[in-house]
Amino acid sequence: MFIQEPNYRDAFFVVESVCVSWFIVELLLRFISCPSKRSFCRDIMNIFDVLAIVPFFVTLATMQVRTPSQL
């Protein structure tokens, strides 16, 4: 199986990182400004927002953990 090493200077990676960062900031600002944190966390749309962010960090973490000796 061919596993490509991560290229952090790739334009698509940079654009994805900027978009995810913007999305996280927006989500945190909405969370901070909401009157009820409990209802915010239970809202299905906010759960979808968090689930949309998680795969980016899972992919980033697996790229960081993987070393050439494991290939």
N, C-alpha and C. Protein backbone atom coordinates (compact mmCIF):
# COMPACT_ATOMS: atom_id res chain seq x y z
N MET A 1 0.85 -1.18 0.00
CA MET A 1 0.00 0.00 0.00
C MET A 1 0.89 1.24 0.00
N PHE A 2 0.59 2.16 -0.87
CA PHE A 2 1.37 3.39 -1.03
C PHE A 2 0.80 4.46 -0.10
N ILE A 3 1.65 4.95 0.79
CA ILE A 3 1.24 6.01 1.71
C ILE A 3 2.10 7.23 1.41
N GLN A 4 1.45 8.32 1.09
CA GLN A 4 2.16 9.54 0.73
C GLN A 4 2.47 10.34 1.98
N GLU A 5 3.68 10.88 2.04
CA GLU A 5 4.05 11.72 3.16
C GLU A 5 3.29 13.04 3.08
N PRO A 6 2.94 13.62 4.22
CA PRO A 6 2.18 14.88 4.19
C PRO A 6 3.03 16.03 3.66
N ASN A 7 2.42 16.88 2.87
CA ASN A 7 3.07 18.07 2.36
C ASN A 7 2.31 19.27 2.91
N TYR A 8 2.89 19.88 3.94
CA TYR A 8 2.20 20.98 4.61
C TYR A 8 2.26 22.28 3.81
N ARG A 9 3.02 22.32 2.74
CA ARG A 9 3.08 23.50 1.89
C ARG A 9 2.16 23.37 0.67
N ASP A 10 1.47 22.28 0.57
CA ASP A 10 0.53 22.08 -0.53
C ASP A 10 -0.59 23.10 -0.43
N ALA A 11 -0.95 23.69 -1.56
CA ALA A 11 -1.96 24.75 -1.57
C ALA A 11 -3.31 24.26 -1.04
N PHE A 12 -3.68 23.04 -1.38
CA PHE A 12 -4.96 22.51 -0.91
C PHE A 12 -4.96 22.30 0.60
N PHE A 13 -3.84 21.87 1.15
CA PHE A 13 -3.74 21.70 2.60
C PHE A 13 -3.84 23.05 3.29
N VAL A 14 -3.17 24.05 2.75
CA VAL A 14 -3.21 25.39 3.35
C VAL A 14 -4.62 25.96 3.30
N VAL A 15 -5.29 25.84 2.17
CA VAL A 15 -6.66 26.35 2.04
C VAL A 15 -7.59 25.62 3.00
N GLU A 16 -7.45 24.29 3.08
CA GLU A 16 -8.29 23.52 4.01
C GLU A 16 -8.03 23.94 5.45
N SER A 17 -6.78 24.15 5.80
CA SER A 17 -6.43 24.56 7.16
C SER A 17 -7.01 25.92 7.51
N VAL A 18 -6.93 26.85 6.56
CA VAL A 18 -7.49 28.18 6.80
C VAL A 18 -9.00 28.10 6.95
N CYS A 19 -9.66 27.33 6.11
CA CYS A 19 -11.12 27.21 6.19
C CYS A 19 -11.56 26.55 7.50
N VAL A 20 -10.86 25.49 7.89
CA VAL A 20 -11.21 24.83 9.15
C VAL A 20 -10.95 25.76 10.33
N SER A 21 -9.86 26.51 10.28
CA SER A 21 -9.57 27.46 11.35
C SER A 21 -10.66 28.52 11.47
N TRP A 22 -11.08 29.04 10.32
CA TRP A 22 -12.16 30.03 10.31
C TRP A 22 -13.45 29.44 10.89
N PHE A 23 -13.73 28.20 10.49
CA PHE A 23 -14.94 27.52 10.94
C PHE A 23 -14.89 27.29 12.46
N ILE A 24 -13.73 26.96 12.98
CA ILE A 24 -13.58 26.75 14.43
C ILE A 24 -13.77 28.06 15.18
N VAL A 25 -13.17 29.13 14.68
CA VAL A 25 -13.33 30.43 15.32
C VAL A 25 -14.80 30.83 15.35
N GLU A 26 -15.47 30.64 14.22
CA GLU A 26 -16.89 30.98 14.14
C GLU A 26 -17.72 30.15 15.12
N LEU A 27 -17.41 28.86 15.21
CA LEU A 27 -18.13 27.97 16.13
C LEU A 27 -17.87 28.38 17.59
N LEU A 28 -16.62 28.70 17.92
CA LEU A 28 -16.30 29.13 19.28
C LEU A 28 -16.96 30.46 19.64
N LEU A 29 -17.00 31.38 18.71
CA LEU A 29 -17.67 32.66 18.98
C LEU A 29 -19.16 32.48 19.20
N ARG A 30 -19.77 31.59 18.40
CA ARG A 30 -21.20 31.30 18.62
C ARG A 30 -21.41 30.66 19.98
N PHE A 31 -20.51 29.74 20.38
CA PHE A 31 -20.63 29.07 21.68
C PHE A 31 -20.47 30.07 22.82
N ILE A 32 -19.48 30.94 22.71
CA ILE A 32 -19.23 31.93 23.77
C ILE A 32 -20.40 32.90 23.91
N SER A 33 -21.00 33.28 22.79
CA SER A 33 -22.05 34.29 22.85
C SER A 33 -23.45 33.73 23.11
N CYS A 34 -23.61 32.42 23.11
CA CYS A 34 -24.95 31.88 23.32
C CYS A 34 -25.35 31.95 24.80
N PRO A 35 -26.60 32.19 25.06
CA PRO A 35 -27.04 32.31 26.45
C PRO A 35 -27.08 30.97 27.20
N SER A 36 -27.37 29.89 26.50
CA SER A 36 -27.46 28.58 27.15
C SER A 36 -26.47 27.62 26.48
N LYS A 37 -25.40 27.33 27.19
CA LYS A 37 -24.38 26.43 26.65
C LYS A 37 -24.92 25.01 26.49
N ARG A 38 -25.76 24.62 27.37
CA ARG A 38 -26.33 23.27 27.32
C ARG A 38 -27.20 23.08 26.07
N SER A 39 -28.06 24.04 25.78
CA SER A 39 -28.90 23.92 24.59
C SER A 39 -28.06 24.04 23.31
N PHE A 40 -26.99 24.82 23.37
CA PHE A 40 -26.09 24.93 22.22
C PHE A 40 -25.46 23.58 21.92
N CYS A 41 -25.01 22.88 22.94
CA CYS A 41 -24.35 21.58 22.75
C CYS A 41 -25.34 20.51 22.31
N ARG A 42 -26.59 20.66 22.63
CA ARG A 42 -27.60 19.67 22.26
C ARG A 42 -28.24 19.93 20.89
N ASP A 43 -28.00 21.09 20.33
CA ASP A 43 -28.58 21.43 19.03
C ASP A 43 -27.93 20.57 17.94
N ILE A 44 -28.73 19.94 17.11
CA ILE A 44 -28.23 19.00 16.11
C ILE A 44 -27.33 19.69 15.09
N MET A 45 -27.61 20.92 14.74
CA MET A 45 -26.78 21.63 13.76
C MET A 45 -25.38 21.89 14.31
N ASN A 46 -25.28 22.17 15.60
CA ASN A 46 -23.97 22.38 16.22
C ASN A 46 -23.21 21.07 16.34
N ILE A 47 -23.92 19.98 16.57
CA ILE A 47 -23.28 18.67 16.58
C ILE A 47 -22.73 18.35 15.20
N PHE A 48 -23.47 18.66 14.15
CA PHE A 48 -22.99 18.46 12.78
C PHE A 48 -21.76 19.32 12.51
N ASP A 49 -21.75 20.54 13.03
CA ASP A 49 -20.59 21.40 12.85
C ASP A 49 -19.34 20.80 13.47
N VAL A 50 -19.47 20.27 14.67
CA VAL A 50 -18.33 19.64 15.33
C VAL A 50 -17.90 18.39 14.57
N LEU A 51 -18.87 17.60 14.12
CA LEU A 51 -18.54 16.39 13.36
C LEU A 51 -17.89 16.72 12.02
N ALA A 52 -18.13 17.89 11.49
CA ALA A 52 -17.48 18.31 10.25
C ALA A 52 -16.03 18.70 10.48
N ILE A 53 -15.70 19.13 11.67
CA ILE A 53 -14.35 19.56 12.00
C ILE A 53 -13.46 18.38 12.40
N VAL A 54 -14.02 17.40 13.06
CA VAL A 54 -13.25 16.28 13.62
C VAL A 54 -12.40 15.54 12.58
N PRO A 55 -12.90 15.22 11.39
CA PRO A 55 -12.06 14.46 10.44
C PRO A 55 -10.76 15.17 10.05
N PHE A 56 -10.77 16.49 10.01
CA PHE A 56 -9.55 17.23 9.69
C PHE A 56 -8.48 16.94 10.74
N PHE A 57 -8.86 16.99 12.02
CA PHE A 57 -7.90 16.77 13.08
C PHE A 57 -7.48 15.31 13.19
N VAL A 58 -8.38 14.40 12.88
CA VAL A 58 -8.01 12.97 12.87
C VAL A 58 -6.98 12.72 11.78
N THR A 59 -7.20 13.27 10.60
CA THR A 59 -6.26 13.13 9.51
C THR A 59 -4.92 13.78 9.85
N LEU A 60 -4.97 14.95 10.42
CA LEU A 60 -3.75 15.65 10.80
C LEU A 60 -2.97 14.87 11.85
N ALA A 61 -3.68 14.30 12.82
CA ALA A 61 -3.02 13.52 13.87
C ALA A 61 -2.40 12.24 13.30
N THR A 62 -3.08 11.58 12.40
CA THR A 62 -2.52 10.35 11.83
C THR A 62 -1.31 10.66 10.95
N MET A 63 -1.30 11.82 10.29
CA MET A 63 -0.14 12.20 9.49
C MET A 63 1.04 12.53 10.40
N GLN A 64 0.79 13.07 11.57
CA GLN A 64 1.86 13.41 12.51
C GLN A 64 2.45 12.17 13.17
N VAL A 65 1.61 11.19 13.44
CA VAL A 65 2.05 9.99 14.15
C VAL A 65 2.83 9.06 13.24
N ARG A 66 2.44 9.00 11.98
CA ARG A 66 3.05 8.08 11.03
C ARG A 66 4.50 8.51 10.76
N THR A 67 5.42 7.57 10.88
CA THR A 67 6.83 7.84 10.60
C THR A 67 7.29 6.96 9.44
N PRO A 68 8.40 7.30 8.79
CA PRO A 68 8.89 6.48 7.68
C PRO A 68 9.21 5.04 8.07
N SER A 69 9.58 4.79 9.32
CA SER A 69 9.88 3.43 9.74
C SER A 69 8.63 2.57 9.80
N GLN A 70 7.46 3.18 9.89
CA GLN A 70 6.21 2.42 9.94
C GLN A 70 5.72 2.07 8.55
N LEU A 71 6.31 2.64 7.52
CA LEU A 71 5.90 2.34 6.16
C LEU A 71 6.49 1.04 5.80
